Structure formats: C-alpha cells, structure tokens
Amino acid sequence: MTQYGIVTDLNRCVGCMACNTACKTVNAVPIGSFWNKVLRVGPNPKYEGAKFPDIEWYYLPVQCQHCANPACVNVCPTEASHKLDDGTVQVDKEKCIGCQFCAMACPYNVRYLNEEERVVEKCTLCEQQTAQGVLPQCVSQCVGLAKWFGDLDQADWSNFRGGGNFLFGDAVRDYAESDVHHLPDVGNSPSFVYILRNKAWQGEG
C-alpha cells in the first residue's frame, strides 16, 4: 500500500505564504480560490487565565488531506472524485458535473467550484509532478523547511524529502509521539500529519 502525503513541522512554519503562492501560480488557481490555505491558530493563553505576553499561536497550512476514507469519493455520483493507487484523491474533470456534493461532504472546506469550467477543484498534491519524482510545489518552495513529502504508510519518515531535497531525518529529530497530530477525524481518516512541539494543539485528532 502507498499513501503519499505531507508531514508538516508547525514549529518551523513562519506563515510566509510561499506554499500558498507557489500552489496558485503553478496550478493556475483562480483569484479568490485556494488549494492551500495558511491559517493562524491563536493567539491563545499559554495557561488558564494567562494574559499577554503569556500567549502563543502557530500557523497551520490546510489543504486536501487525501484521506484514507474520503467522504468526497463516497458521495460523488459520477466517480469523478476517486483515489489513485498512490493514495491521493483526485478529480476527473471529464466526469465532474459540478454538483458540489463532494465540497459539501469535505470536513475541511478545501474544495471549490471553478465557475469558469463548472467543475470542482482542489489540491492534487501536484500529481503531475510527483508521478515524475518531483516534489509537490508547496513542499519544494517552503522556505522554512516545514513541509516534507513521502509515503505515509512507511513507519519511518526519515527519507521524506523537503525543499532542496533535504531529508526529514536530517532536519527534524526533537519531537515525541504526543507532538504528532491530524486534523479532526470524522470517519474520513485524514492522512496528512502535523508536528507541534511545546504548544497546545487546538483540535482533536
């Protein structure tokens, strides 16, 4: 089994939006729409009753999670939304009728209707690049080396690649199992992984 995906070290993310900009440029994402969003979580008190300056926040890149059990695939009436053998979830524009059932079923609000083409679009994990051994654009352009691409079905992430072909195992070592998180799971089993150290994760999963 293969499940391509991204591990993001949130302590390295500086909210520069390079991933967002690179994604929109390479994939010609329409103005006002996004395949890759960067949210600011917080500020939140570091402890109950804390006030400034005892606050914390982090930046959270959110895109299609290429779920193991994607609700978008389950509700698509034409099988336009489907999973590939590499574990990614894709949209066949030739089959998409623009009904947006998939967008309504997605718990992360990462799909939208392309008004010009009348089809649904979302992050493809740069399938056109990864099929040729090239990193997804959001990973290769991450200036903080926060994003790492690889096969999430592997127990060892050390060979995941980041920008400049740096290896995860050479750059990220100081984290515990309790620092590893996912976006909330509502039965869809999101695949992407987030690492957050020394800050409170604001979300279940």
C-alpha atoms as a PDB file:
ATOM      1  CA  MET A   1       0.000   0.000   0.000  1.00  0.00           C
ATOM      2  CA  THR A   2       1.073   3.562  -0.689  1.00  0.00           C
ATOM      3  CA  GLN A   3      -0.279   6.769   0.825  1.00  0.00           C
ATOM      4  CA  TYR A   4       1.529   9.826  -0.467  1.00  0.00           C
ATOM      5  CA  GLY A   5       1.196  12.787   1.840  1.00  0.00           C
ATOM      6  CA  ILE A   6       2.877  15.589   3.738  1.00  0.00           C
ATOM      7  CA  VAL A   7       4.306  15.852   7.230  1.00  0.00           C
ATOM      8  CA  THR A   8       4.366  19.488   8.393  1.00  0.00           C
ATOM      9  CA  ASP A   9       6.548  20.712  11.251  1.00  0.00           C
ATOM     10  CA  LEU A  10       4.429  23.587  12.559  1.00  0.00           C
ATOM     11  CA  ASN A  11       7.269  24.900  14.718  1.00  0.00           C
ATOM     12  CA  ARG A  12       9.140  25.637  11.500  1.00  0.00           C
ATOM     13  CA  CYS A  13       6.217  27.270   9.679  1.00  0.00           C
ATOM     14  CA  VAL A  14       6.586  31.069   9.748  1.00  0.00           C
ATOM     15  CA  GLY A  15       3.377  31.896   7.900  1.00  0.00           C
ATOM     16  CA  CYS A  16       5.233  33.321   4.897  1.00  0.00           C
ATOM     17  CA  MET A  17       2.578  32.021   2.448  1.00  0.00           C
ATOM     18  CA  ALA A  18       5.223  30.776  -0.006  1.00  0.00           C
ATOM     19  CA  CYS A  19       3.402  27.432  -0.253  1.00  0.00           C
ATOM     20  CA  ASN A  20       0.136  29.207  -0.985  1.00  0.00           C
ATOM     21  CA  THR A  21       1.657  31.467  -3.635  1.00  0.00           C
ATOM     22  CA  ALA A  22       3.602  28.668  -5.345  1.00  0.00           C
ATOM     23  CA  CYS A  23       0.498  26.484  -5.463  1.00  0.00           C
ATOM     24  CA  LYS A  24      -1.680  29.193  -7.007  1.00  0.00           C
ATOM     25  CA  THR A  25       0.979  30.041  -9.593  1.00  0.00           C
ATOM     26  CA  VAL A  26       1.782  26.512 -10.773  1.00  0.00           C
ATOM     27  CA  ASN A  27      -1.813  25.284 -10.802  1.00  0.00           C
ATOM     28  CA  ALA A  28      -3.410  28.487 -12.128  1.00  0.00           C
ATOM     29  CA  VAL A  29      -5.815  28.628  -9.187  1.00  0.00           C
ATOM     30  CA  PRO A  30      -8.419  31.382  -9.762  1.00  0.00           C
ATOM     31  CA  ILE A  31      -8.265  34.595  -7.743  1.00  0.00           C
ATOM     32  CA  GLY A  32     -10.239  34.189  -4.533  1.00  0.00           C
ATOM     33  CA  SER A  33      -9.869  30.397  -4.504  1.00  0.00           C
ATOM     34  CA  PHE A  34      -7.189  28.309  -2.794  1.00  0.00           C
ATOM     35  CA  TRP A  35      -5.848  24.763  -2.907  1.00  0.00           C
ATOM     36  CA  ASN A  36      -3.598  25.529   0.050  1.00  0.00           C
ATOM     37  CA  LYS A  37      -4.547  27.866   2.904  1.00  0.00           C
ATOM     38  CA  VAL A  38      -2.356  29.021   5.792  1.00  0.00           C
ATOM     39  CA  LEU A  39      -4.363  29.738   8.929  1.00  0.00           C
ATOM     40  CA  ARG A  40      -3.203  31.414  12.133  1.00  0.00           C
ATOM     41  CA  VAL A  41      -4.334  29.463  15.197  1.00  0.00           C
ATOM     42  CA  GLY A  42      -4.463  31.787  18.177  1.00  0.00           C
ATOM     43  CA  PRO A  43      -3.347  33.787  19.969  1.00  0.00           C
ATOM     44  CA  ASN A  44      -4.302  31.582  22.914  1.00  0.00           C
ATOM     45  CA  PRO A  45      -3.261  31.788  26.579  1.00  0.00           C
ATOM     46  CA  LYS A  46      -0.363  29.510  27.491  1.00  0.00           C
ATOM     47  CA  TYR A  47      -2.204  28.536  30.667  1.00  0.00           C
ATOM     48  CA  GLU A  48      -5.631  29.183  32.163  1.00  0.00           C
ATOM     49  CA  GLY A  49      -6.072  32.843  32.985  1.00  0.00           C
ATOM     50  CA  ALA A  50      -2.862  33.886  31.219  1.00  0.00           C
ATOM     51  CA  LYS A  51      -2.688  37.321  29.613  1.00  0.00           C
ATOM     52  CA  PHE A  52      -0.257  38.999  27.228  1.00  0.00           C
ATOM     53  CA  PRO A  53       2.633  38.343  26.905  1.00  0.00           C
ATOM     54  CA  ASP A  54       1.942  34.757  28.043  1.00  0.00           C
ATOM     55  CA  ILE A  55       0.195  33.799  24.821  1.00  0.00           C
ATOM     56  CA  GLU A  56       1.041  31.518  21.907  1.00  0.00           C
ATOM     57  CA  TRP A  57      -0.039  30.832  18.347  1.00  0.00           C
ATOM     58  CA  TYR A  58       1.035  28.799  15.353  1.00  0.00           C
ATOM     59  CA  TYR A  59       0.436  28.751  11.617  1.00  0.00           C
ATOM     60  CA  LEU A  60      -1.492  25.826  10.151  1.00  0.00           C
ATOM     61  CA  PRO A  61      -1.287  25.030   6.417  1.00  0.00           C
ATOM     62  CA  VAL A  62      -4.514  23.307   5.345  1.00  0.00           C
ATOM     63  CA  GLN A  63      -5.195  21.599   2.032  1.00  0.00           C
ATOM     64  CA  CYS A  64      -6.869  18.393   0.853  1.00  0.00           C
ATOM     65  CA  GLN A  65      -5.831  15.737   3.358  1.00  0.00           C
ATOM     66  CA  HIS A  66      -6.009  12.916   0.767  1.00  0.00           C
ATOM     67  CA  CYS A  67      -7.944  10.890   3.317  1.00  0.00           C
ATOM     68  CA  ALA A  68      -7.814   7.132   3.660  1.00  0.00           C
ATOM     69  CA  ASN A  69     -11.639   7.024   3.622  1.00  0.00           C
ATOM     70  CA  PRO A  70     -12.584  10.226   1.780  1.00  0.00           C
ATOM     71  CA  ALA A  71     -16.187  11.346   2.165  1.00  0.00           C
ATOM     72  CA  CYS A  72     -15.883  13.257  -1.115  1.00  0.00           C
ATOM     73  CA  VAL A  73     -15.330   9.992  -3.013  1.00  0.00           C
ATOM     74  CA  ASN A  74     -18.192   8.260  -1.224  1.00  0.00           C
ATOM     75  CA  VAL A  75     -20.775  10.910  -2.224  1.00  0.00           C
ATOM     76  CA  CYS A  76     -19.643  11.598  -5.803  1.00  0.00           C
ATOM     77  CA  PRO A  77     -22.441  10.414  -8.152  1.00  0.00           C
ATOM     78  CA  THR A  78     -20.196  10.133 -11.226  1.00  0.00           C
ATOM     79  CA  GLU A  79     -16.996   8.748  -9.656  1.00  0.00           C
ATOM     80  CA  ALA A  80     -15.208  11.928 -10.704  1.00  0.00           C
ATOM     81  CA  SER A  81     -13.693  12.044  -7.221  1.00  0.00           C
ATOM     82  CA  HIS A  82     -11.575   8.936  -6.801  1.00  0.00           C
ATOM     83  CA  LYS A  83      -8.470   7.560  -5.094  1.00  0.00           C
ATOM     84  CA  LEU A  84      -5.366   6.551  -7.035  1.00  0.00           C
ATOM     85  CA  ASP A  85      -3.018   3.687  -6.208  1.00  0.00           C
ATOM     86  CA  ASP A  86      -0.635   6.220  -4.644  1.00  0.00           C
ATOM     87  CA  GLY A  87      -3.306   7.068  -2.048  1.00  0.00           C
ATOM     88  CA  THR A  88      -4.083  10.540  -3.368  1.00  0.00           C
ATOM     89  CA  VAL A  89      -7.616  11.751  -4.017  1.00  0.00           C
ATOM     90  CA  GLN A  90      -8.132  13.247  -7.467  1.00  0.00           C
ATOM     91  CA  VAL A  91     -10.949  14.811  -9.507  1.00  0.00           C
ATOM     92  CA  ASP A  92     -11.562  13.691 -13.101  1.00  0.00           C
ATOM     93  CA  LYS A  93     -12.810  16.881 -14.713  1.00  0.00           C
ATOM     94  CA  GLU A  94     -14.249  14.920 -17.642  1.00  0.00           C
ATOM     95  CA  LYS A  95     -16.636  13.195 -15.236  1.00  0.00           C
ATOM     96  CA  CYS A  96     -17.334  16.088 -12.849  1.00  0.00           C
ATOM     97  CA  ILE A  97     -20.807  17.628 -13.271  1.00  0.00           C
ATOM     98  CA  GLY A  98     -20.224  20.433 -10.768  1.00  0.00           C
ATOM     99  CA  CYS A  99     -22.878  19.236  -8.312  1.00  0.00           C
ATOM    100  CA  GLN A 100     -20.552  20.100  -5.385  1.00  0.00           C
ATOM    101  CA  PHE A 101     -21.699  17.149  -3.254  1.00  0.00           C
ATOM    102  CA  CYS A 102     -18.010  16.473  -2.611  1.00  0.00           C
ATOM    103  CA  ALA A 103     -17.373  20.046  -1.469  1.00  0.00           C
ATOM    104  CA  MET A 104     -20.264  19.816   0.977  1.00  0.00           C
ATOM    105  CA  ALA A 105     -19.033  16.455   2.287  1.00  0.00           C
ATOM    106  CA  CYS A 106     -15.441  17.621   2.866  1.00  0.00           C
ATOM    107  CA  PRO A 107     -14.958  18.471   6.571  1.00  0.00           C
ATOM    108  CA  TYR A 108     -12.023  20.786   5.821  1.00  0.00           C
ATOM    109  CA  ASN A 109     -13.618  23.144   3.289  1.00  0.00           C
ATOM    110  CA  VAL A 110     -10.785  22.687   0.788  1.00  0.00           C
ATOM    111  CA  ARG A 111     -12.809  22.217  -2.411  1.00  0.00           C
ATOM    112  CA  TYR A 112     -14.466  24.861  -4.571  1.00  0.00           C
ATOM    113  CA  LEU A 113     -16.357  25.163  -7.834  1.00  0.00           C
ATOM    114  CA  ASN A 114     -14.352  26.604 -10.703  1.00  0.00           C
ATOM    115  CA  GLU A 115     -17.006  28.990 -12.002  1.00  0.00           C
ATOM    116  CA  GLU A 116     -15.493  29.189 -15.489  1.00  0.00           C
ATOM    117  CA  GLU A 117     -15.083  25.457 -16.066  1.00  0.00           C
ATOM    118  CA  ARG A 118     -18.044  24.428 -13.845  1.00  0.00           C
ATOM    119  CA  VAL A 119     -16.031  21.660 -12.219  1.00  0.00           C
ATOM    120  CA  VAL A 120     -14.775  21.149  -8.674  1.00  0.00           C
ATOM    121  CA  GLU A 121     -11.088  21.694  -7.968  1.00  0.00           C
ATOM    122  CA  LYS A 122      -8.744  21.110  -5.040  1.00  0.00           C
ATOM    123  CA  CYS A 123      -5.165  20.174  -4.163  1.00  0.00           C
ATOM    124  CA  THR A 124      -3.906  17.327  -6.353  1.00  0.00           C
ATOM    125  CA  LEU A 125      -0.665  17.001  -4.352  1.00  0.00           C
ATOM    126  CA  CYS A 126       0.896  18.059  -7.660  1.00  0.00           C
ATOM    127  CA  GLU A 127       0.240  14.592  -9.074  1.00  0.00           C
ATOM    128  CA  GLN A 128       1.638  15.749 -12.411  1.00  0.00           C
ATOM    129  CA  GLN A 129       4.982  16.350 -10.655  1.00  0.00           C
ATOM    130  CA  THR A 130       5.126  13.560  -8.075  1.00  0.00           C
ATOM    131  CA  ALA A 131       4.480  10.986 -10.820  1.00  0.00           C
ATOM    132  CA  GLN A 132       7.846  12.086 -12.236  1.00  0.00           C
ATOM    133  CA  GLY A 133       9.650  12.056  -8.908  1.00  0.00           C
ATOM    134  CA  VAL A 134       9.377  15.821  -8.375  1.00  0.00           C
ATOM    135  CA  LEU A 135       8.219  17.268  -5.059  1.00  0.00           C
ATOM    136  CA  PRO A 136       4.823  18.976  -4.732  1.00  0.00           C
ATOM    137  CA  GLN A 137       5.225  22.703  -5.276  1.00  0.00           C
ATOM    138  CA  CYS A 138       4.181  23.650  -1.737  1.00  0.00           C
ATOM    139  CA  VAL A 139       6.920  21.373  -0.362  1.00  0.00           C
ATOM    140  CA  SER A 140       9.727  22.441  -2.687  1.00  0.00           C
ATOM    141  CA  GLN A 141       9.007  26.150  -2.114  1.00  0.00           C
ATOM    142  CA  CYS A 142       8.665  26.012   1.687  1.00  0.00           C
ATOM    143  CA  VAL A 143      11.348  28.426   2.866  1.00  0.00           C
ATOM    144  CA  GLY A 144      11.241  27.213   6.468  1.00  0.00           C
ATOM    145  CA  LEU A 145      11.697  23.521   5.580  1.00  0.00           C
ATOM    146  CA  ALA A 146       8.422  22.882   7.377  1.00  0.00           C
ATOM    147  CA  LYS A 147       6.878  20.552   4.774  1.00  0.00           C
ATOM    148  CA  TRP A 148       8.075  17.050   3.928  1.00  0.00           C
ATOM    149  CA  PHE A 149       6.738  14.706   1.246  1.00  0.00           C
ATOM    150  CA  GLY A 150       6.741  10.911   1.201  1.00  0.00           C
ATOM    151  CA  ASP A 151       4.797   7.687   1.682  1.00  0.00           C
ATOM    152  CA  LEU A 152       2.901   7.924   4.958  1.00  0.00           C
ATOM    153  CA  ASP A 153       2.411   4.159   5.018  1.00  0.00           C
ATOM    154  CA  GLN A 154       6.113   3.881   5.844  1.00  0.00           C
ATOM    155  CA  ALA A 155       6.764   3.695   9.576  1.00  0.00           C
ATOM    156  CA  ASP A 156       9.976   5.680   9.118  1.00  0.00           C
ATOM    157  CA  TRP A 157       9.688   9.258   7.844  1.00  0.00           C
ATOM    158  CA  SER A 158      13.447   9.853   7.790  1.00  0.00           C
ATOM    159  CA  ASN A 159      13.590   9.665   3.987  1.00  0.00           C
ATOM    160  CA  PHE A 160      10.760  12.132   3.417  1.00  0.00           C
ATOM    161  CA  ARG A 161      12.068  14.965   1.233  1.00  0.00           C
ATOM    162  CA  GLY A 162      11.750  18.690   1.717  1.00  0.00           C
ATOM    163  CA  GLY A 163      12.891  21.733  -0.253  1.00  0.00           C
ATOM    164  CA  GLY A 164      16.393  21.435  -1.660  1.00  0.00           C
ATOM    165  CA  ASN A 165      15.998  17.646  -1.326  1.00  0.00           C
ATOM    166  CA  PHE A 166      16.858  17.845   2.382  1.00  0.00           C
ATOM    167  CA  LEU A 167      15.803  14.739   4.276  1.00  0.00           C
ATOM    168  CA  PHE A 168      13.359  14.838   7.173  1.00  0.00           C
ATOM    169  CA  GLY A 169      15.632  12.641   9.305  1.00  0.00           C
ATOM    170  CA  ASP A 170      18.496  15.106   8.953  1.00  0.00           C
ATOM    171  CA  ALA A 171      16.436  18.139   9.967  1.00  0.00           C
ATOM    172  CA  VAL A 172      13.648  17.045  12.335  1.00  0.00           C
ATOM    173  CA  ARG A 173      14.554  14.902  15.328  1.00  0.00           C
ATOM    174  CA  ASP A 174      13.347  16.527  18.544  1.00  0.00           C
ATOM    175  CA  TYR A 175       9.692  15.510  18.717  1.00  0.00           C
ATOM    176  CA  ALA A 176       7.690  12.968  20.708  1.00  0.00           C
ATOM    177  CA  GLU A 177       4.712  10.831  19.784  1.00  0.00           C
ATOM    178  CA  SER A 178       2.487  13.251  21.700  1.00  0.00           C
ATOM    179  CA  ASP A 179       3.623  16.043  19.338  1.00  0.00           C
ATOM    180  CA  VAL A 180       2.125  14.286  16.286  1.00  0.00           C
ATOM    181  CA  HIS A 181      -1.386  15.360  15.243  1.00  0.00           C
ATOM    182  CA  HIS A 182      -4.003  15.154  12.487  1.00  0.00           C
ATOM    183  CA  LEU A 183      -6.903  17.393  11.570  1.00  0.00           C
ATOM    184  CA  PRO A 184     -10.164  16.255  13.218  1.00  0.00           C
ATOM    185  CA  ASP A 185     -11.229  12.805  12.049  1.00  0.00           C
ATOM    186  CA  VAL A 186     -14.966  12.440  11.399  1.00  0.00           C
ATOM    187  CA  GLY A 187     -14.638   8.968   9.922  1.00  0.00           C
ATOM    188  CA  ASN A 188     -12.605  10.020   6.878  1.00  0.00           C
ATOM    189  CA  SER A 189      -9.134   9.282   8.360  1.00  0.00           C
ATOM    190  CA  PRO A 190      -7.142  12.342   7.183  1.00  0.00           C
ATOM    191  CA  SER A 191      -3.696  11.300   6.004  1.00  0.00           C
ATOM    192  CA  PHE A 192      -1.582  14.425   6.455  1.00  0.00           C
ATOM    193  CA  VAL A 193       0.475  14.731   9.637  1.00  0.00           C
ATOM    194  CA  TYR A 194       1.302  17.797  11.745  1.00  0.00           C
ATOM    195  CA  ILE A 195       4.053  18.049  14.347  1.00  0.00           C
ATOM    196  CA  LEU A 196       3.704  20.697  17.061  1.00  0.00           C
ATOM    197  CA  ARG A 197       6.093  20.952  19.993  1.00  0.00           C
ATOM    198  CA  ASN A 198       5.774  22.997  23.212  1.00  0.00           C
ATOM    199  CA  LYS A 199       2.416  24.473  22.232  1.00  0.00           C
ATOM    200  CA  ALA A 200      -1.153  23.303  22.744  1.00  0.00           C
ATOM    201  CA  TRP A 201      -2.694  21.665  19.667  1.00  0.00           C
ATOM    202  CA  GLN A 202      -6.061  23.339  19.107  1.00  0.00           C
ATOM    203  CA  GLY A 203      -8.065  20.470  17.724  1.00  0.00           C
ATOM    204  CA  GLU A 204      -8.814  16.829  18.228  1.00  0.00           C
ATOM    205  CA  GLY A 205      -7.107  14.009  16.379  1.00  0.00           C
END
